[in-house]
Amino acid sequence: MFEEKESFFIIEGQPPDEITAKGKKYENVDDTFVLGFYDWLRTDEGKVVGVRLYPFSDSYFPYLQFKDFERTIVIEDGKIEIYFFNEMYFSEDKSGDQSFSSSKILRSTDSFLLAFDLYYLDEAEIEQLTAGIAE
């Protein structure tokens, strides 16, 4: 099992195949460009509070063992909801992006990162996320 709790980072551009974060090197687990489609989870006010991932393949589930993560919910039909803040509610009407942009799983020796392209977020949403995650 992975040792760390969830951490969130904002980087520019598409998710890389390799990244160093918190002193650890992470590499893409395969050559897949798109892990699945995903929705940005927004409140009624439009605040982005998380992401809901629909993985294309069950082969990713060994990497997605979230039982120790406080703000992650695995839903019966394979959907995964990841919340960036303690707010764990959202408006279904404002959360239907169904983005097919780049998304990846990157793994180190004892942890992993999920990476999502921010293409479908506007500048204000990215600023709101960046400010909230930095707190």
Protein backbone atom coordinates (compact mmCIF):
# COMPACT_ATOMS: atom_id res chain seq x y z
CA MET A 1 0.00 0.00 0.00
CA PHE A 2 1.17 3.52 -0.68
CA GLU A 3 2.37 5.51 2.31
CA GLU A 4 1.25 9.07 1.61
CA LYS A 5 -2.06 10.85 1.93
CA GLU A 6 -3.39 12.79 -1.00
CA SER A 7 -1.43 15.79 -2.26
CA PHE A 8 -2.43 18.17 -5.03
CA PHE A 9 -0.27 20.14 -7.44
CA ILE A 10 -1.11 22.53 -10.26
CA ILE A 11 1.29 22.55 -13.23
CA GLU A 12 0.98 24.16 -16.64
CA GLY A 13 0.48 22.18 -19.84
CA GLN A 14 -0.49 18.59 -20.43
CA PRO A 15 0.36 15.94 -17.85
CA PRO A 16 3.99 14.86 -18.34
CA ASP A 17 5.26 11.29 -18.65
CA GLU A 18 7.73 11.98 -15.86
CA ILE A 19 7.78 14.45 -12.97
CA THR A 20 9.64 15.01 -9.71
CA ALA A 21 7.44 16.08 -6.79
CA LYS A 22 8.31 16.25 -3.10
CA GLY A 23 11.76 14.86 -3.97
CA LYS A 24 10.37 11.72 -5.66
CA LYS A 25 10.56 10.79 -9.31
CA TYR A 26 7.26 9.65 -10.83
CA GLU A 27 6.91 7.94 -14.22
CA ASN A 28 3.86 7.15 -16.35
CA VAL A 29 2.68 3.58 -15.67
CA ASP A 30 2.09 2.94 -19.38
CA ASP A 31 2.08 4.77 -22.69
CA THR A 32 -1.61 5.64 -22.47
CA PHE A 33 -2.39 9.28 -23.22
CA VAL A 34 -5.93 9.18 -21.78
CA LEU A 35 -6.71 7.25 -18.59
CA GLY A 36 -10.44 7.77 -18.96
CA PHE A 37 -12.85 10.62 -19.22
CA TYR A 38 -13.46 12.92 -16.30
CA ASP A 39 -15.73 15.63 -14.97
CA TRP A 40 -14.63 18.60 -12.90
CA LEU A 41 -16.89 18.66 -9.84
CA ARG A 42 -18.34 22.12 -9.19
CA THR A 43 -20.58 23.57 -6.49
CA ASP A 44 -23.76 25.50 -7.34
CA GLU A 45 -21.61 28.64 -7.16
CA GLY A 46 -19.21 27.20 -9.77
CA LYS A 47 -16.30 26.47 -7.43
CA VAL A 48 -14.25 23.45 -8.57
CA VAL A 49 -14.04 21.10 -5.57
CA GLY A 50 -12.87 17.88 -7.21
CA VAL A 51 -12.76 15.59 -10.20
CA ARG A 52 -14.72 12.43 -11.08
CA LEU A 53 -12.78 9.89 -13.15
CA TYR A 54 -14.29 7.15 -15.31
CA PRO A 55 -11.28 4.89 -16.05
CA PHE A 56 -11.39 3.17 -19.45
CA SER A 57 -9.77 -0.02 -18.16
CA ASP A 58 -9.97 -2.15 -15.02
CA SER A 59 -6.20 -2.65 -15.38
CA TYR A 60 -5.73 0.70 -13.62
CA PHE A 61 -7.52 -0.35 -10.44
CA PRO A 62 -4.42 -1.89 -8.77
CA TYR A 63 -2.95 1.62 -8.81
CA LEU A 64 -6.14 3.21 -7.55
CA GLN A 65 -6.27 1.78 -4.04
CA PHE A 66 -7.76 4.74 -2.20
CA LYS A 67 -8.80 3.22 1.11
CA ASP A 68 -6.47 5.49 3.12
CA PHE A 69 -7.47 8.68 1.35
CA GLU A 70 -9.91 10.84 3.27
CA ARG A 71 -11.29 12.79 0.33
CA THR A 72 -11.62 10.07 -2.28
CA ILE A 73 -14.71 7.99 -2.97
CA VAL A 74 -14.77 4.90 -5.18
CA ILE A 75 -18.28 4.42 -6.52
CA GLU A 76 -19.71 0.98 -7.33
CA ASP A 77 -19.69 1.34 -11.10
CA GLY A 78 -15.97 2.14 -11.22
CA LYS A 79 -16.18 5.92 -10.99
CA ILE A 80 -13.74 7.62 -8.66
CA GLU A 81 -14.43 11.00 -7.05
CA ILE A 82 -11.44 12.92 -5.72
CA TYR A 83 -12.10 16.03 -3.65
CA PHE A 84 -9.45 18.73 -3.34
CA PHE A 85 -10.92 20.34 -0.23
CA ASN A 86 -13.08 19.34 2.72
CA GLU A 87 -16.15 20.36 0.70
CA MET A 88 -17.42 17.03 -0.59
CA TYR A 89 -20.61 18.13 -2.30
CA PHE A 90 -21.17 19.32 -5.85
CA SER A 91 -23.87 20.21 -8.35
CA GLU A 92 -24.43 17.46 -10.91
CA ASP A 93 -25.77 20.09 -13.33
CA LYS A 94 -22.48 22.02 -13.26
CA SER A 95 -20.20 18.98 -13.31
CA GLY A 96 -20.67 17.27 -16.66
CA ASP A 97 -17.51 18.15 -18.63
CA GLN A 98 -16.82 14.60 -19.85
CA SER A 99 -13.30 15.67 -20.76
CA PHE A 100 -11.25 13.36 -22.93
CA SER A 101 -8.06 15.41 -22.54
CA SER A 102 -4.81 13.91 -21.34
CA SER A 103 -4.90 12.08 -18.01
CA LYS A 104 -2.30 9.72 -16.56
CA ILE A 105 -1.19 7.68 -13.58
CA LEU A 106 2.43 8.32 -12.61
CA ARG A 107 4.13 6.06 -10.08
CA SER A 108 7.16 6.30 -7.80
CA THR A 109 8.51 3.44 -5.69
CA ASP A 110 5.96 3.99 -2.92
CA SER A 111 3.29 6.41 -4.15
CA PHE A 112 1.55 7.68 -7.23
CA LEU A 113 0.07 10.75 -8.88
CA LEU A 114 -3.04 11.15 -10.97
CA ALA A 115 -2.54 13.86 -13.58
CA PHE A 116 -5.32 15.69 -15.43
CA ASP A 117 -5.13 18.24 -18.22
CA LEU A 118 -6.73 21.53 -17.11
CA TYR A 119 -7.87 22.41 -20.64
CA TYR A 120 -11.58 22.50 -19.76
CA LEU A 121 -11.09 24.84 -16.80
CA ASP A 122 -11.15 28.58 -17.36
CA GLU A 123 -8.53 30.93 -15.94
CA ALA A 124 -10.66 31.89 -12.93
CA GLU A 125 -11.22 28.20 -12.03
CA ILE A 126 -7.48 27.49 -12.25
CA GLU A 127 -6.73 30.52 -10.06
CA GLN A 128 -9.36 29.38 -7.53
CA LEU A 129 -7.84 25.89 -7.44
CA THR A 130 -4.29 27.20 -7.14
CA ALA A 131 -5.23 29.51 -4.25
CA GLY A 132 -7.25 26.82 -2.46
CA ILE A 133 -4.63 24.09 -2.77
CA ALA A 134 -1.88 26.43 -1.55
CA GLU A 135 -3.77 27.11 1.71
